[in-house]
Every structure is written in structure tokens, then in C-alpha cells.
Amino acid sequence: MKKILKNISILAITLAPHAALAQLVSPATPGGLSTESLENTIGTILNAVLGLVGVIALGVILYGGFRWMTAAGNEEAVGEAKKIITAGVIGLIIVIVAWAVVSFVITTVV
């Protein structure tokens, strides 16, 4: 019983400050909708997606490097790691070129 009371007390003390973080939304706020154009919205989404794909490509390169480091001299494993790194670099180049094209098109359209 003491353990349950202790846990409830700790939980209440921990969560008590969170109630003070609540605030009212001003009625002048239009509901979170922006007035951006469709082109800006599409550009923002594409930049976010290309950024995520770029991070994934860097992860593939790091994975290939890890495979190479753990190959322990096995030529077959080293060759496979080189293929992974090459694929990651090609993917990263494609992402950079795609980002450049999207940026050019968005700045030209907008």
C-alpha cells in the first residue's frame, strides 16, 4: 500500500507542472491555416521529402562503411560493401540534383 501511495505521489508531483502549460487560443487565430500559395506548399513538402531521402542515402553510405570495416579482410564482403557505398553515393547525387531542379522550378514559378 505504501508503494502504491508513493508511486501515485511521485506521478502527481511530476505531472502537476504540465497543467500550467495550457493556454487559450486567441480567437483571431484562423485555425492554423496558412495563406501560402500551392507552389510554396508543394516546394516545402518536396524539400522535406528530399531531405529525408538524403538522410537515408547517408545512412546507406554509413552502413556500407560499417560492412567494409567488419569485413575482416574477406574480399567478397569488401566488394559487397563497396557496392553498397557506390549505391549510396549515386543516390545522394540523385537527391542533390533533384533538390537543385526542384529549387530552380519553385523559384522560377513563384
C-alpha atoms as a PDB file:
ATOM      1  CA  MET A   1       0.000   0.000   0.000  1.00  0.00           C
ATOM      2  CA  LYS A   2       2.850   2.368   0.826  1.00  0.00           C
ATOM      3  CA  LYS A   3       4.479   1.608  -2.515  1.00  0.00           C
ATOM      4  CA  ILE A   4       1.276   2.428  -4.414  1.00  0.00           C
ATOM      5  CA  LEU A   5       0.822   5.666  -2.453  1.00  0.00           C
ATOM      6  CA  LYS A   6       4.444   6.578  -3.101  1.00  0.00           C
ATOM      7  CA  ASN A   7       4.078   5.945  -6.859  1.00  0.00           C
ATOM      8  CA  ILE A   8       0.864   7.972  -7.053  1.00  0.00           C
ATOM      9  CA  SER A   9       2.525  10.836  -5.169  1.00  0.00           C
ATOM     10  CA  ILE A  10       5.528  10.829  -7.489  1.00  0.00           C
ATOM     11  CA  LEU A  11       3.238  10.760 -10.518  1.00  0.00           C
ATOM     12  CA  ALA A  12       1.144  13.652  -9.176  1.00  0.00           C
ATOM     13  CA  ILE A  13       4.221  15.751  -8.410  1.00  0.00           C
ATOM     14  CA  THR A  14       5.687  15.005 -11.831  1.00  0.00           C
ATOM     15  CA  LEU A  15       2.526  15.813 -13.791  1.00  0.00           C
ATOM     16  CA  ALA A  16       1.408  18.842 -11.761  1.00  0.00           C
ATOM     17  CA  PRO A  17       3.500  21.408 -13.695  1.00  0.00           C
ATOM     18  CA  HIS A  18       2.134  20.176 -17.036  1.00  0.00           C
ATOM     19  CA  ALA A  19      -1.322  21.530 -16.256  1.00  0.00           C
ATOM     20  CA  ALA A  20       0.171  25.042 -16.057  1.00  0.00           C
ATOM     21  CA  LEU A  21       1.414  24.804 -19.654  1.00  0.00           C
ATOM     22  CA  ALA A  22      -2.110  25.007 -21.061  1.00  0.00           C
ATOM     23  CA  GLN A  23      -3.100  28.281 -22.685  1.00  0.00           C
ATOM     24  CA  LEU A  24      -6.079  29.668 -24.506  1.00  0.00           C
ATOM     25  CA  VAL A  25      -6.049  30.098 -28.256  1.00  0.00           C
ATOM     26  CA  SER A  26      -6.740  33.607 -29.414  1.00  0.00           C
ATOM     27  CA  PRO A  27      -9.991  33.849 -31.394  1.00  0.00           C
ATOM     28  CA  ALA A  28      -8.086  35.884 -34.002  1.00  0.00           C
ATOM     29  CA  THR A  29      -6.129  32.766 -34.948  1.00  0.00           C
ATOM     30  CA  PRO A  30      -7.584  31.484 -38.223  1.00  0.00           C
ATOM     31  CA  GLY A  31      -7.393  27.834 -37.224  1.00  0.00           C
ATOM     32  CA  GLY A  32      -3.811  27.174 -38.238  1.00  0.00           C
ATOM     33  CA  LEU A  33      -4.424  27.521 -41.962  1.00  0.00           C
ATOM     34  CA  SER A  34      -1.757  29.343 -43.874  1.00  0.00           C
ATOM     35  CA  THR A  35      -2.179  31.702 -46.778  1.00  0.00           C
ATOM     36  CA  GLU A  36       0.768  30.298 -48.724  1.00  0.00           C
ATOM     37  CA  SER A  37       0.352  29.515 -52.380  1.00  0.00           C
ATOM     38  CA  LEU A  38       0.097  25.974 -53.655  1.00  0.00           C
ATOM     39  CA  GLU A  39       3.560  26.238 -55.212  1.00  0.00           C
ATOM     40  CA  ASN A  40       5.135  27.156 -51.860  1.00  0.00           C
ATOM     41  CA  THR A  41       3.354  24.299 -50.131  1.00  0.00           C
ATOM     42  CA  ILE A  42       4.459  21.782 -52.762  1.00  0.00           C
ATOM     43  CA  GLY A  43       8.013  23.138 -52.587  1.00  0.00           C
ATOM     44  CA  THR A  44       8.063  22.783 -48.810  1.00  0.00           C
ATOM     45  CA  ILE A  45       6.797  19.209 -48.990  1.00  0.00           C
ATOM     46  CA  LEU A  46       9.278  18.267 -51.725  1.00  0.00           C
ATOM     47  CA  ASN A  47      12.182  19.820 -49.802  1.00  0.00           C
ATOM     48  CA  ALA A  48      11.203  17.850 -46.706  1.00  0.00           C
ATOM     49  CA  VAL A  49      10.926  14.597 -48.665  1.00  0.00           C
ATOM     50  CA  LEU A  50      14.239  15.179 -50.452  1.00  0.00           C
ATOM     51  CA  GLY A  51      15.886  15.967 -47.114  1.00  0.00           C
ATOM     52  CA  LEU A  52      14.594  12.705 -45.672  1.00  0.00           C
ATOM     53  CA  VAL A  53      15.779  10.752 -48.714  1.00  0.00           C
ATOM     54  CA  GLY A  54      19.186  12.427 -48.397  1.00  0.00           C
ATOM     55  CA  VAL A  55      19.441  11.307 -44.787  1.00  0.00           C
ATOM     56  CA  ILE A  56      18.535   7.772 -45.860  1.00  0.00           C
ATOM     57  CA  ALA A  57      21.247   7.889 -48.562  1.00  0.00           C
ATOM     58  CA  LEU A  58      23.800   8.963 -45.963  1.00  0.00           C
ATOM     59  CA  GLY A  59      22.620   6.097 -43.768  1.00  0.00           C
ATOM     60  CA  VAL A  60      23.216   3.675 -46.650  1.00  0.00           C
ATOM     61  CA  ILE A  61      26.737   5.047 -47.096  1.00  0.00           C
ATOM     62  CA  LEU A  62      27.414   4.655 -43.375  1.00  0.00           C
ATOM     63  CA  TYR A  63      26.022   1.116 -43.465  1.00  0.00           C
ATOM     64  CA  GLY A  64      28.346   0.273 -46.362  1.00  0.00           C
ATOM     65  CA  GLY A  65      31.271   1.701 -44.418  1.00  0.00           C
ATOM     66  CA  PHE A  66      30.317  -0.385 -41.402  1.00  0.00           C
ATOM     67  CA  ARG A  67      30.118  -3.505 -43.570  1.00  0.00           C
ATOM     68  CA  TRP A  68      33.549  -2.702 -45.002  1.00  0.00           C
ATOM     69  CA  MET A  69      35.062  -2.207 -41.540  1.00  0.00           C
ATOM     70  CA  THR A  70      33.613  -5.501 -40.303  1.00  0.00           C
ATOM     71  CA  ALA A  71      34.589  -7.465 -43.432  1.00  0.00           C
ATOM     72  CA  ALA A  72      37.800  -8.611 -41.694  1.00  0.00           C
ATOM     73  CA  GLY A  73      39.694  -8.917 -44.969  1.00  0.00           C
ATOM     74  CA  ASN A  74      37.063 -11.029 -46.709  1.00  0.00           C
ATOM     75  CA  GLU A  75      37.277  -9.818 -50.319  1.00  0.00           C
ATOM     76  CA  GLU A  76      33.707 -10.850 -51.117  1.00  0.00           C
ATOM     77  CA  ALA A  77      32.350  -8.849 -48.171  1.00  0.00           C
ATOM     78  CA  VAL A  78      34.549  -5.867 -49.093  1.00  0.00           C
ATOM     79  CA  GLY A  79      33.219  -5.976 -52.660  1.00  0.00           C
ATOM     80  CA  GLU A  80      29.646  -6.050 -51.379  1.00  0.00           C
ATOM     81  CA  ALA A  81      30.380  -3.102 -49.064  1.00  0.00           C
ATOM     82  CA  LYS A  82      31.853  -1.144 -51.982  1.00  0.00           C
ATOM     83  CA  LYS A  83      28.677  -1.792 -53.983  1.00  0.00           C
ATOM     84  CA  ILE A  84      26.572  -0.505 -51.071  1.00  0.00           C
ATOM     85  CA  ILE A  85      28.697   2.636 -50.740  1.00  0.00           C
ATOM     86  CA  THR A  86      28.570   3.237 -54.502  1.00  0.00           C
ATOM     87  CA  ALA A  87      24.786   2.883 -54.498  1.00  0.00           C
ATOM     88  CA  GLY A  88      24.551   5.316 -51.572  1.00  0.00           C
ATOM     89  CA  VAL A  89      26.754   7.891 -53.306  1.00  0.00           C
ATOM     90  CA  ILE A  90      24.747   7.596 -56.533  1.00  0.00           C
ATOM     91  CA  GLY A  91      21.542   8.001 -54.533  1.00  0.00           C
ATOM     92  CA  LEU A  92      22.947  11.060 -52.778  1.00  0.00           C
ATOM     93  CA  ILE A  93      23.933  12.610 -56.122  1.00  0.00           C
ATOM     94  CA  ILE A  94      20.421  11.966 -57.456  1.00  0.00           C
ATOM     95  CA  VAL A  95      18.909  13.616 -54.376  1.00  0.00           C
ATOM     96  CA  ILE A  96      21.156  16.674 -54.722  1.00  0.00           C
ATOM     97  CA  VAL A  97      20.314  17.050 -58.422  1.00  0.00           C
ATOM     98  CA  ALA A  98      16.596  16.590 -57.691  1.00  0.00           C
ATOM     99  CA  TRP A  99      16.787  19.235 -54.963  1.00  0.00           C
ATOM    100  CA  ALA A 100      18.516  21.638 -57.368  1.00  0.00           C
ATOM    101  CA  VAL A 101      15.854  21.068 -60.027  1.00  0.00           C
ATOM    102  CA  VAL A 102      13.007  21.500 -57.530  1.00  0.00           C
ATOM    103  CA  SER A 103      14.563  24.682 -56.138  1.00  0.00           C
ATOM    104  CA  PHE A 104      15.020  26.080 -59.642  1.00  0.00           C
ATOM    105  CA  VAL A 105      11.456  25.270 -60.664  1.00  0.00           C
ATOM    106  CA  ILE A 106       9.951  26.651 -57.466  1.00  0.00           C
ATOM    107  CA  THR A 107      11.912  29.915 -57.683  1.00  0.00           C
ATOM    108  CA  THR A 108      11.018  30.248 -61.366  1.00  0.00           C
ATOM    109  CA  VAL A 109       7.309  29.589 -60.815  1.00  0.00           C
ATOM    110  CA  VAL A 110       6.961  31.702 -57.686  1.00  0.00           C
END
